[in-house]
Amino acid sequence: MSDLVDMKNALSELGLDKADFIEFTQDLKVYLDETLPHLEQIVMSMDFKGIKEQSHAIKGAVANLRFIKAAEVAFFLETAGRNQSSDQVAEKFNELKDVLNASFLEIKQKHS
C-alpha cells in the first residue's frame, strides 16, 4: 500500500511543520495502542453502540492527521455500528489494524 497518509495536505492544512507532524503521529500511535484493544473487545461482543462510538473517535483522530485509508475503514466500522450490522465488522477491524500499521510504516519510510 502507498499514499495511506496525505502528509503534504496535513502539513499545509493544519499549519504544521514536519517535526510537529511526527510528534502528533507519535501521540496518535499512543492513543491507538490504548484504544484498539478496547475496540477489539467491543467488536468481539458486537456491541454496536460501542463500535459506533469508538470507531467515530478513531476516525476523527486519524482523519485529523490525514490517514486517508484508515479513516475510510474506521468510517465503515462506525456506519456498521450505527446500522447495527455485523457484516464484515471483524474483517474490517483487522483491516483497520493492518492499515494503521502500514500507515505508520509509510510515514517512517518516507519522512524520517
C-alpha atoms as a PDB file:
ATOM      1  CA  MET A   1       0.000   0.000   0.000  1.00  0.00           C
ATOM      2  CA  SER A   2       1.184   3.504  -0.624  1.00  0.00           C
ATOM      3  CA  ASP A   3      -0.073   7.006  -0.054  1.00  0.00           C
ATOM      4  CA  LEU A   4      -2.013   5.954   3.007  1.00  0.00           C
ATOM      5  CA  VAL A   5      -1.202   9.237   4.723  1.00  0.00           C
ATOM      6  CA  ASP A   6      -1.529  12.595   2.984  1.00  0.00           C
ATOM      7  CA  MET A   7       1.274  14.292   4.884  1.00  0.00           C
ATOM      8  CA  LYS A   8       1.569  17.148   2.390  1.00  0.00           C
ATOM      9  CA  ASN A   9      -2.027  18.250   2.982  1.00  0.00           C
ATOM     10  CA  ALA A  10      -1.744  17.641   6.703  1.00  0.00           C
ATOM     11  CA  LEU A  11       1.207  19.998   6.882  1.00  0.00           C
ATOM     12  CA  SER A  12      -0.396  22.735   4.801  1.00  0.00           C
ATOM     13  CA  GLU A  13      -3.980  22.467   6.061  1.00  0.00           C
ATOM     14  CA  LEU A  14      -3.033  22.147   9.717  1.00  0.00           C
ATOM     15  CA  GLY A  15      -0.159  24.608   9.571  1.00  0.00           C
ATOM     16  CA  LEU A  16       2.324  22.077  10.918  1.00  0.00           C
ATOM     17  CA  ASP A  17       5.964  21.568  10.203  1.00  0.00           C
ATOM     18  CA  LYS A  18       7.390  18.079   9.720  1.00  0.00           C
ATOM     19  CA  ALA A  19       8.608  17.803  13.317  1.00  0.00           C
ATOM     20  CA  ASP A  20       5.161  18.722  14.692  1.00  0.00           C
ATOM     21  CA  PHE A  21       3.505  16.227  12.354  1.00  0.00           C
ATOM     22  CA  ILE A  22       5.831  13.438  13.509  1.00  0.00           C
ATOM     23  CA  GLU A  23       5.162  14.351  17.134  1.00  0.00           C
ATOM     24  CA  PHE A  24       1.395  14.276  16.567  1.00  0.00           C
ATOM     25  CA  THR A  25       1.641  10.905  14.822  1.00  0.00           C
ATOM     26  CA  GLN A  26       3.569   9.562  17.812  1.00  0.00           C
ATOM     27  CA  ASP A  27       0.780  10.807  20.087  1.00  0.00           C
ATOM     28  CA  LEU A  28      -1.750   9.183  17.751  1.00  0.00           C
ATOM     29  CA  LYS A  29       0.119   5.881  17.993  1.00  0.00           C
ATOM     30  CA  VAL A  30      -0.040   6.001  21.796  1.00  0.00           C
ATOM     31  CA  TYR A  31      -3.778   6.743  21.630  1.00  0.00           C
ATOM     32  CA  LEU A  32      -4.376   3.888  19.192  1.00  0.00           C
ATOM     33  CA  ASP A  33      -2.290   1.450  21.235  1.00  0.00           C
ATOM     34  CA  GLU A  34      -4.672   2.153  24.117  1.00  0.00           C
ATOM     35  CA  THR A  35      -7.875   2.299  22.067  1.00  0.00           C
ATOM     36  CA  LEU A  36      -7.610  -0.579  19.585  1.00  0.00           C
ATOM     37  CA  PRO A  37      -7.616  -3.382  22.201  1.00  0.00           C
ATOM     38  CA  HIS A  38     -10.782  -1.865  23.648  1.00  0.00           C
ATOM     39  CA  LEU A  39     -12.380  -1.667  20.196  1.00  0.00           C
ATOM     40  CA  GLU A  40     -11.388  -5.278  19.571  1.00  0.00           C
ATOM     41  CA  GLN A  41     -13.300  -6.369  22.694  1.00  0.00           C
ATOM     42  CA  ILE A  42     -16.291  -4.326  21.579  1.00  0.00           C
ATOM     43  CA  VAL A  43     -16.182  -5.852  18.100  1.00  0.00           C
ATOM     44  CA  MET A  44     -15.952  -9.369  19.542  1.00  0.00           C
ATOM     45  CA  SER A  45     -19.048  -8.743  21.659  1.00  0.00           C
ATOM     46  CA  MET A  46     -20.866  -6.992  18.767  1.00  0.00           C
ATOM     47  CA  ASP A  47     -21.674  -4.010  20.975  1.00  0.00           C
ATOM     48  CA  PHE A  48     -22.976  -1.857  18.139  1.00  0.00           C
ATOM     49  CA  LYS A  49     -23.217   1.327  20.167  1.00  0.00           C
ATOM     50  CA  GLY A  50     -19.634   0.861  21.328  1.00  0.00           C
ATOM     51  CA  ILE A  51     -18.457   0.056  17.800  1.00  0.00           C
ATOM     52  CA  LYS A  52     -20.083   3.238  16.518  1.00  0.00           C
ATOM     53  CA  GLU A  53     -18.661   5.437  19.284  1.00  0.00           C
ATOM     54  CA  GLN A  54     -15.101   4.052  19.328  1.00  0.00           C
ATOM     55  CA  SER A  55     -14.857   3.943  15.542  1.00  0.00           C
ATOM     56  CA  HIS A  56     -16.098   7.517  15.349  1.00  0.00           C
ATOM     57  CA  ALA A  57     -13.405   8.650  17.793  1.00  0.00           C
ATOM     58  CA  ILE A  58     -10.690   6.756  15.919  1.00  0.00           C
ATOM     59  CA  LYS A  59     -11.935   8.085  12.580  1.00  0.00           C
ATOM     60  CA  GLY A  60     -11.686  11.641  13.850  1.00  0.00           C
ATOM     61  CA  ALA A  61      -8.199  11.142  15.234  1.00  0.00           C
ATOM     62  CA  VAL A  62      -6.794   9.543  12.092  1.00  0.00           C
ATOM     63  CA  ALA A  63      -8.628  11.854   9.688  1.00  0.00           C
ATOM     64  CA  ASN A  64      -7.234  14.875  11.513  1.00  0.00           C
ATOM     65  CA  LEU A  65      -3.714  13.768  10.559  1.00  0.00           C
ATOM     66  CA  ARG A  66      -4.870  12.746   7.065  1.00  0.00           C
ATOM     67  CA  PHE A  67      -4.560   8.974   7.497  1.00  0.00           C
ATOM     68  CA  ILE A  68      -6.844   8.593   4.474  1.00  0.00           C
ATOM     69  CA  LYS A  69      -7.329   4.821   4.223  1.00  0.00           C
ATOM     70  CA  ALA A  70      -7.562   4.297   7.990  1.00  0.00           C
ATOM     71  CA  ALA A  71     -10.272   6.959   8.178  1.00  0.00           C
ATOM     72  CA  GLU A  72     -12.233   5.148   5.447  1.00  0.00           C
ATOM     73  CA  VAL A  73     -12.069   1.828   7.292  1.00  0.00           C
ATOM     74  CA  ALA A  74     -12.986   3.454  10.613  1.00  0.00           C
ATOM     75  CA  PHE A  75     -15.935   5.112   8.880  1.00  0.00           C
ATOM     76  CA  PHE A  76     -17.100   1.689   7.640  1.00  0.00           C
ATOM     77  CA  LEU A  77     -16.987   0.403  11.231  1.00  0.00           C
ATOM     78  CA  GLU A  78     -18.781   3.491  12.544  1.00  0.00           C
ATOM     79  CA  THR A  79     -21.524   3.021   9.953  1.00  0.00           C
ATOM     80  CA  ALA A  80     -21.826  -0.684  10.748  1.00  0.00           C
ATOM     81  CA  GLY A  81     -22.261   0.186  14.410  1.00  0.00           C
ATOM     82  CA  ARG A  82     -24.852   2.844  13.608  1.00  0.00           C
ATOM     83  CA  ASN A  83     -26.759   0.402  11.376  1.00  0.00           C
ATOM     84  CA  GLN A  84     -26.308  -2.497  13.795  1.00  0.00           C
ATOM     85  CA  SER A  85     -24.801  -4.602  11.023  1.00  0.00           C
ATOM     86  CA  SER A  86     -22.316  -7.313  11.906  1.00  0.00           C
ATOM     87  CA  ASP A  87     -21.449  -7.900   8.223  1.00  0.00           C
ATOM     88  CA  GLN A  88     -17.659  -7.688   7.801  1.00  0.00           C
ATOM     89  CA  VAL A  89     -17.103  -5.939  11.136  1.00  0.00           C
ATOM     90  CA  ALA A  90     -14.436  -8.368  12.349  1.00  0.00           C
ATOM     91  CA  GLU A  91     -12.706  -8.324   8.962  1.00  0.00           C
ATOM     92  CA  LYS A  92     -12.774  -4.536   8.810  1.00  0.00           C
ATOM     93  CA  PHE A  93     -11.384  -4.291  12.330  1.00  0.00           C
ATOM     94  CA  ASN A  94      -8.441  -6.448  11.246  1.00  0.00           C
ATOM     95  CA  GLU A  95      -8.080  -4.327   8.123  1.00  0.00           C
ATOM     96  CA  LEU A  96      -8.014  -1.193  10.293  1.00  0.00           C
ATOM     97  CA  LYS A  97      -5.140  -2.592  12.353  1.00  0.00           C
ATOM     98  CA  ASP A  98      -3.239  -3.551   9.198  1.00  0.00           C
ATOM     99  CA  VAL A  99      -3.833  -0.195   7.519  1.00  0.00           C
ATOM    100  CA  LEU A 100      -2.737   1.687  10.612  1.00  0.00           C
ATOM    101  CA  ASN A 101       0.465  -0.333  10.855  1.00  0.00           C
ATOM    102  CA  ALA A 102       1.152   0.264   7.169  1.00  0.00           C
ATOM    103  CA  SER A 103       0.382   3.978   7.585  1.00  0.00           C
ATOM    104  CA  PHE A 104       2.882   4.413  10.406  1.00  0.00           C
ATOM    105  CA  LEU A 105       5.451   2.447   8.412  1.00  0.00           C
ATOM    106  CA  GLU A 106       4.825   4.674   5.385  1.00  0.00           C
ATOM    107  CA  ILE A 107       5.483   7.777   7.477  1.00  0.00           C
ATOM    108  CA  LYS A 108       8.648   6.276   8.873  1.00  0.00           C
ATOM    109  CA  GLN A 109       9.956   5.220   5.470  1.00  0.00           C
ATOM    110  CA  LYS A 110       9.078   8.360   3.539  1.00  0.00           C
ATOM    111  CA  HIS A 111       9.528  11.087   6.085  1.00  0.00           C
ATOM    112  CA  SER A 112      12.116  10.152   8.662  1.00  0.00           C
END
